[in-house]
Amino acid sequence: MRHNFDIEIDLHGCHVDEAIRRIESVLYRPKSQSILVIHGHGTGTLRKAVREFVASNSYVREFVLGEDMNFPGGDGVVIIYT
């Protein structure tokens, strides 16, 4: 199964503040319609922060959790639609 996204962001190794800044840097760009965010599994701190940010951001039209669509990476990814 092949998936194409306008942008892919890998947040492995990022602290929460840096991860949010990286998402913001692409989220507010025109023409970004689908963004694959790879936050990984880890302790769950980054996953929780990223998902809370995405859920509360007005630029996000819709988002899908990787585990909800059996996406490779499962609960280590989120797909954002702007």
Protein backbone atom coordinates (compact mmCIF):
# COMPACT_ATOMS: atom_id res chain seq x y z
CA MET A 1 0.00 0.00 0.00
CA ARG A 2 1.52 3.33 -1.07
CA HIS A 3 0.51 6.64 0.47
CA ASN A 4 1.38 10.07 -0.82
CA PHE A 5 1.40 13.15 1.37
CA ASP A 6 2.23 16.73 0.51
CA ILE A 7 4.61 16.88 3.48
CA GLU A 8 6.15 14.33 5.83
CA ILE A 9 7.64 15.36 9.18
CA ASP A 10 9.71 12.98 11.30
CA LEU A 11 9.83 14.19 14.90
CA HIS A 12 12.00 11.42 16.33
CA GLY A 13 14.43 12.93 18.83
CA CYS A 14 12.54 16.23 19.18
CA HIS A 15 11.44 17.77 22.43
CA VAL A 16 7.80 18.85 22.59
CA ASP A 17 8.46 22.55 21.94
CA GLU A 18 10.66 21.82 18.94
CA ALA A 19 8.14 19.31 17.56
CA ILE A 20 5.28 21.81 17.76
CA ARG A 21 7.40 24.48 16.04
CA ARG A 22 8.23 22.04 13.23
CA ILE A 23 4.55 21.22 12.73
CA GLU A 24 3.62 24.91 12.79
CA SER A 25 6.29 25.68 10.19
CA VAL A 26 4.47 23.54 7.63
CA LEU A 27 0.91 23.78 8.89
CA TYR A 28 0.63 27.48 8.13
CA ARG A 29 2.04 27.20 4.60
CA PRO A 30 -0.33 27.56 1.69
CA LYS A 31 -0.65 24.45 -0.44
CA SER A 32 -0.06 22.02 2.45
CA GLN A 33 -3.07 19.78 2.24
CA SER A 34 -1.90 16.52 3.76
CA ILE A 35 0.84 16.18 6.32
CA LEU A 36 2.15 12.90 7.71
CA VAL A 37 3.55 13.48 11.19
CA ILE A 38 5.75 10.70 12.56
CA HIS A 39 6.09 11.20 16.30
CA GLY A 40 6.97 7.63 17.20
CA HIS A 41 5.98 5.57 20.21
CA GLY A 42 8.51 6.38 22.94
CA THR A 43 7.14 7.25 26.35
CA GLY A 44 3.99 8.79 24.86
CA THR A 45 4.82 12.36 25.91
CA LEU A 46 5.46 13.60 22.36
CA ARG A 47 2.51 11.64 20.94
CA LYS A 48 0.15 13.19 23.50
CA ALA A 49 1.44 16.74 22.95
CA VAL A 50 1.32 16.48 19.14
CA ARG A 51 -2.19 15.06 19.15
CA GLU A 52 -3.48 17.70 21.58
CA PHE A 53 -1.94 20.45 19.45
CA VAL A 54 -3.45 19.05 16.26
CA ALA A 55 -6.88 18.59 17.84
CA SER A 56 -7.03 22.18 19.05
CA ASN A 57 -5.53 23.96 16.02
CA SER A 58 -7.93 25.89 13.79
CA TYR A 59 -5.74 25.34 10.70
CA VAL A 60 -6.40 21.61 10.92
CA ARG A 61 -9.52 20.71 8.97
CA GLU A 62 -9.30 17.04 9.89
CA PHE A 63 -6.81 14.58 11.33
CA VAL A 64 -6.59 10.82 11.42
CA LEU A 65 -4.70 8.76 13.96
CA GLY A 66 -2.51 6.06 12.44
CA GLU A 67 -4.03 3.32 14.57
CA ASP A 68 -7.57 4.27 13.51
CA MET A 69 -6.84 3.46 9.88
CA ASN A 70 -4.36 0.64 10.40
CA PHE A 71 -1.66 2.87 8.91
CA PRO A 72 1.97 1.71 9.00
CA GLY A 73 3.45 3.05 12.23
CA GLY A 74 0.12 2.66 14.02
CA ASP A 75 -0.12 4.94 17.05
CA GLY A 76 3.26 6.47 16.16
CA VAL A 77 1.78 8.65 13.39
CA VAL A 78 -0.97 11.17 12.75
CA ILE A 79 -2.17 12.47 9.39
CA ILE A 80 -3.25 16.11 9.21
CA TYR A 81 -5.51 17.60 6.52
CA THR A 82 -5.64 21.38 6.15
